[in-house]
Each structure stands twice: as C-alpha cells, then as structure tokens.
Amino acid sequence: FHRGVVRLITEACQALRETTGVGTVALSGGVFQNLLLLRGSVDTLTEAGFRVLTHSRVPCNDGGLSLGQAVIAAHHEPQPQG
C-alpha cells in the first residue's frame, strides 16, 4: 500500500513538472506524519531529480496550520502609533 502511494505521489509530481517546469516539491500535511510515506516520497522524488522540502521545526499537521494562522493574524493586527 505505502509503496503504491509513494509511486502515485512521484508520478503526479513528474507529470506536473512536465507541464509546469517546477522542480521543487513541498511535502506537508498530516499524511506526511507517516514516516513510511515521508521517507519513501523524499527518496523517490530526490532520485527523480526533485528538490524536496519537508517540515523540520513546525509540525506538518494542524499544529503547523495553527502557527500559520497566528502569523497571519499578527501581521494584520493594528500596530501601536507613537
């Protein structure tokens, strides 16, 4: 099962690279908490010539989403005058 999902991810990225020319892939989201999928995808995508970005300091799940929302909210917060 996991090998099939990794193969699907790699094939989809290769098809997108052919049409867009983009050679960088970001792997994020709760599915990549699964180390078999993460490591397998990183390995096969790297072998296929992709630059692969993964989470390291922020969780790939909803914790990372919450952090992103907090950053956006802080950016839109009115700044004190004076």
Protein backbone atom coordinates (compact mmCIF):
# COMPACT_ATOMS: atom_id res chain seq x y z
CA PHE A 1 0.00 0.00 0.00
CA HIS A 2 2.62 2.53 1.07
CA ARG A 3 4.82 1.86 -1.96
CA GLY A 4 1.80 2.40 -4.19
CA VAL A 5 1.04 5.77 -2.59
CA VAL A 6 4.69 6.82 -2.90
CA ARG A 7 4.67 5.80 -6.57
CA LEU A 8 1.47 7.81 -7.14
CA ILE A 9 2.95 10.89 -5.47
CA THR A 10 6.10 10.62 -7.56
CA GLU A 11 4.23 10.08 -10.83
CA ALA A 12 1.92 13.04 -10.11
CA CYS A 13 4.90 15.28 -9.38
CA GLN A 14 6.66 14.14 -12.55
CA ALA A 15 3.56 14.88 -14.64
CA LEU A 16 3.25 18.33 -13.09
CA ARG A 17 6.94 19.05 -13.69
CA GLU A 18 6.50 18.17 -17.37
CA THR A 19 3.68 20.71 -17.76
CA THR A 20 4.93 23.44 -15.41
CA GLY A 21 8.69 23.06 -15.26
CA VAL A 22 8.59 23.24 -11.47
CA GLY A 23 11.21 21.01 -9.89
CA THR A 24 10.60 21.72 -6.20
CA VAL A 25 8.11 19.72 -4.15
CA ALA A 26 6.89 20.57 -0.63
CA LEU A 27 5.64 17.58 1.36
CA SER A 28 3.37 18.68 4.17
CA GLY A 29 0.08 17.88 5.80
CA GLY A 30 -1.00 15.18 8.19
CA VAL A 31 -0.40 12.38 5.68
CA PHE A 32 3.33 13.03 5.96
CA GLN A 33 3.31 12.25 9.67
CA ASN A 34 3.50 8.70 8.34
CA LEU A 35 7.26 8.10 8.16
CA LEU A 36 6.92 5.37 5.53
CA LEU A 37 5.21 7.82 3.17
CA LEU A 38 7.50 10.71 4.05
CA ARG A 39 10.79 8.84 3.70
CA GLY A 40 9.65 6.91 0.65
CA SER A 41 8.45 10.06 -1.10
CA VAL A 42 11.60 12.02 -0.23
CA ASP A 43 13.78 9.19 -1.54
CA THR A 44 11.93 8.61 -4.82
CA LEU A 45 11.41 12.30 -5.55
CA THR A 46 15.08 13.06 -4.87
CA GLU A 47 16.11 10.18 -7.14
CA ALA A 48 13.82 11.66 -9.82
CA GLY A 49 15.70 14.97 -9.60
CA PHE A 50 13.31 16.99 -7.47
CA ARG A 51 14.29 19.41 -4.74
CA VAL A 52 12.17 18.21 -1.80
CA LEU A 53 11.09 20.45 1.08
CA THR A 54 9.77 18.93 4.32
CA HIS A 55 8.82 20.13 7.77
CA SER A 56 11.53 20.33 10.40
CA ARG A 57 10.71 22.98 13.01
CA VAL A 58 6.94 23.09 12.68
CA PRO A 59 4.67 20.04 12.70
CA CYS A 60 3.24 19.03 9.34
CA ASN A 61 -0.23 18.56 10.83
CA ASP A 62 -2.80 21.01 12.22
CA GLY A 63 -0.20 22.43 14.62
CA GLY A 64 1.59 23.94 11.64
CA LEU A 65 -1.70 25.26 10.29
CA SER A 66 -2.41 26.94 13.63
CA LEU A 67 1.02 28.56 13.63
CA GLY A 68 0.45 29.90 10.13
CA GLN A 69 -2.91 31.34 11.15
CA ALA A 70 -1.31 33.02 14.17
CA VAL A 71 1.39 34.58 11.98
CA ILE A 72 -1.21 35.95 9.55
CA ALA A 73 -3.34 37.29 12.41
CA ALA A 74 -0.32 39.00 13.98
CA HIS A 75 0.55 40.56 10.63
CA HIS A 76 -2.95 42.05 10.35
CA GLU A 77 -3.02 43.27 13.96
CA PRO A 78 -3.01 47.09 14.10
CA GLN A 79 0.38 48.44 15.15
CA PRO A 80 0.54 50.95 18.03
CA GLN A 81 1.11 54.55 16.97
CA GLY A 82 3.69 56.73 18.62
